[in-house]
């Protein structure tokens, strides 16, 4: 397994959870809903830019979620391997 390198300048960065991502998506959903039903589209060029940023934000959250899922899968694999080693050791 690869050893993790420390990244300079990221020591105080907090890892988001799936709940954090869900809260962000909920907030974005409510913002979009309010804009569609109650908002005014005053300047089309500004709205297009805002929508592009919202799409980018969703893509970032999707990528982040994939990384979280992959990390969880790796952790589960590690735990299964450890359990299998213990069971194998106890059988002998």
Foldseek 3Di string as FASTA:
>chain_A
DDDDDDDPPCPPPDQDDVVNLVVVVVVVVVVVVCCVPPNDDDDVVVVVVVVVVVVVVVVVSVVSVVVVVVVVVVVVVVVVVVVVVVVVVVVD
